Protein backbone atom coordinates (compact mmCIF):
# COMPACT_ATOMS: atom_id res chain seq x y z
CA MET A 1 0.13 0.02 -0.21
CA GLY A 2 1.15 3.71 -0.99
CA PHE A 3 0.82 6.37 1.42
CA ALA A 4 0.59 10.45 1.09
CA GLN A 5 0.17 12.89 3.51
CA GLY A 6 -0.34 17.08 3.13
CA GLU A 7 -1.78 20.53 3.87
CA VAL A 8 -3.54 22.50 2.15
CA PHE A 9 -4.01 26.36 3.52
CA ASN A 10 -6.75 28.39 2.07
CA LEU A 11 -8.00 32.02 3.00
CA GLY A 12 -11.44 31.68 4.42
CA ALA A 13 -13.67 34.59 5.33
CA HIS A 14 -12.27 34.95 8.84
CA GLY A 15 -8.69 33.51 8.24
CA THR A 16 -6.42 30.83 7.29
CA GLY A 17 -7.70 27.36 7.17
CA MET A 18 -6.06 24.33 6.62
CA ILE A 19 -7.40 20.92 5.20
CA LEU A 20 -5.31 17.92 5.74
CA PHE A 21 -5.52 14.91 3.44
CA ASP A 22 -3.97 11.22 3.25
CA VAL A 23 -4.24 9.43 -0.06
CA ARG A 24 -3.43 5.45 -0.40
CA SER A 25 -3.19 3.51 -2.70
CA ALA A 26 -4.06 -0.13 -3.27
CA PRO A 27 -5.84 -3.03 -4.79
CA ARG A 28 -9.53 -1.64 -4.88
CA GLU A 29 -10.72 -4.25 -3.00
CA ALA A 30 -8.63 -4.06 -0.13
CA LEU A 31 -9.61 -0.07 -0.04
CA ALA A 32 -12.81 -0.54 -0.26
CA LYS A 33 -12.93 -3.34 2.31
CA ALA A 34 -11.02 -0.98 4.82
CA ASP A 35 -12.94 2.61 4.17
CA PHE A 36 -16.08 1.72 2.53
CA ASP A 37 -17.12 -1.50 4.13
CA TYR A 38 -21.36 -0.39 5.10
CA SER A 39 -24.54 -1.36 3.34
CA GLN A 40 -26.91 1.48 3.06
CA ASP A 41 -28.54 0.26 6.11
CA LEU A 42 -26.00 0.50 8.01
CA MET A 43 -24.71 4.23 7.06
CA VAL A 44 -28.47 5.08 7.90
CA ARG A 45 -28.62 3.19 11.47
CA CYS A 46 -25.13 4.65 12.40
CA ALA A 47 -25.54 8.61 11.01
CA THR A 48 -25.18 9.88 14.13
CA PHE A 49 -22.90 8.63 16.94
CA ASP A 50 -20.66 9.67 20.25
CA GLN A 51 -17.33 9.51 20.27
CA THR A 52 -15.48 9.64 23.58
CA VAL A 53 -12.33 12.04 23.17
CA SER A 54 -9.47 12.26 25.82
CA GLY A 55 -7.06 15.22 25.99
CA ALA A 56 -5.48 17.63 28.00
CA ALA A 57 -8.64 19.24 28.57
CA GLY A 58 -10.28 16.30 29.78
CA THR A 59 -12.47 14.10 28.49
CA GLN A 60 -15.70 15.42 26.01
CA LYS A 61 -17.93 13.79 24.32
CA MET A 62 -18.27 14.47 20.37
CA MET A 63 -21.33 14.06 18.32
CA ILE A 64 -20.26 12.51 14.70
CA GLN A 65 -22.65 12.26 11.44
CA LEU A 66 -22.66 10.38 8.53
CA LEU A 67 -23.39 11.76 5.71
CA PRO A 68 -23.82 10.69 1.97
CA GLY A 69 -20.81 12.39 0.14
CA PRO A 70 -20.88 14.20 -3.04
CA ASP A 71 -20.85 12.77 -6.46
CA ILE A 72 -16.99 12.07 -6.83
CA GLY A 73 -15.27 8.95 -7.67
CA GLU A 74 -16.79 5.39 -6.85
CA LYS A 75 -18.11 6.18 -3.40
CA ALA A 76 -17.85 8.82 -0.99
CA TYR A 77 -19.33 10.13 2.46
CA VAL A 78 -18.88 12.93 4.53
CA THR A 79 -18.30 13.13 8.36
CA LYS A 80 -19.30 16.28 10.52
CA GLU A 81 -18.03 16.71 14.36
CA SER A 82 -19.54 18.46 16.73
CA PHE A 83 -18.56 18.78 20.82
CA SER A 84 -21.59 20.11 22.57
CA GLY A 85 -23.63 21.57 19.34
CA ASN A 86 -20.24 23.30 18.17
CA ALA A 87 -19.04 22.25 14.92
CA ALA A 88 -15.60 21.32 15.04
CA GLY A 89 -14.71 19.51 11.83
CA VAL A 90 -15.68 18.53 8.70
CA GLY A 91 -14.17 15.25 6.53
CA LEU A 92 -14.57 13.71 3.03
CA ARG A 93 -13.75 10.35 1.97
CA VAL A 94 -13.63 9.33 -1.46
CA LEU A 95 -12.95 5.60 -2.96
CA ALA A 96 -11.81 5.85 -7.06
CA ALA A 97 -10.66 2.62 -8.88
CA THR A 98 -6.98 2.19 -6.14
CA VAL A 99 -7.05 5.35 -4.26
CA SER A 100 -8.72 6.16 -1.18
CA LEU A 101 -8.70 10.56 -0.26
CA ASP A 102 -9.50 10.93 2.96
CA MET A 103 -9.29 15.03 3.89
CA GLY A 104 -10.41 16.51 6.97
CA SER A 105 -10.84 20.21 8.14
CA ASN A 106 -10.71 22.17 11.59
CA THR A 107 -13.87 24.33 11.38
CA GLY A 108 -14.76 27.50 13.12
CA LEU A 109 -13.59 30.59 13.10
CA ALA A 110 -11.42 30.35 10.27
CA ILE A 111 -13.42 28.26 7.81
CA THR A 112 -17.21 27.07 7.95
CA GLU A 113 -18.25 23.89 7.23
CA GLU A 114 -19.81 24.45 3.84
CA GLU A 115 -16.39 26.10 2.80
CA ALA A 116 -14.66 23.40 3.70
CA LEU A 117 -16.46 21.01 2.02
CA ASN A 118 -16.82 23.18 -1.28
CA LEU A 119 -13.20 23.22 -1.39
CA MET A 120 -12.22 19.45 -0.25
CA SER A 121 -15.14 18.34 -2.94
CA GLN A 122 -12.70 20.49 -5.42
CA ILE A 123 -9.31 19.15 -4.69
CA ALA A 124 -10.81 15.45 -4.98
CA LYS A 125 -11.98 16.02 -8.37
CA GLU A 126 -8.48 17.63 -9.68
CA PHE A 127 -6.66 15.05 -7.97
CA LEU A 128 -8.65 11.77 -9.20
CA GLU A 129 -8.71 13.56 -12.65
CA GLU A 130 -4.77 13.72 -12.13
CA VAL A 131 -4.72 10.17 -11.44
CA ARG A 132 -6.81 8.89 -14.14
CA ASN A 133 -4.48 11.09 -16.83
CA SER A 134 -1.59 9.61 -15.47
CA HIS A 135 -2.72 6.21 -16.25
């Protein structure tokens, strides 16, 4: 499996934001099983769940939402994270052939969820187009 990480800085309405991403390349079946092994029923049943996070500030409960992703690649989904009802982050994961692209952004002061998702979708489309063109 190949793996790469990177950062994209952008200027949001309220300052500089950052999108972190990782790219994995492996046989399609391995990526589909690792990152997209869910049924539509499971996606609906687990659309919202809580996760306990421990850190320097103590233990907090984070709410995570799983949402269908934009029409990019073969499969895609969006995650939205919040603490006590306040948006904390948004993510996008896309599967396309032998590539799994996972992106995430802490939202809030620098960039809104909508801005982050729009930017991540644009990056995913351009990235996957480059992958297709290189084969």
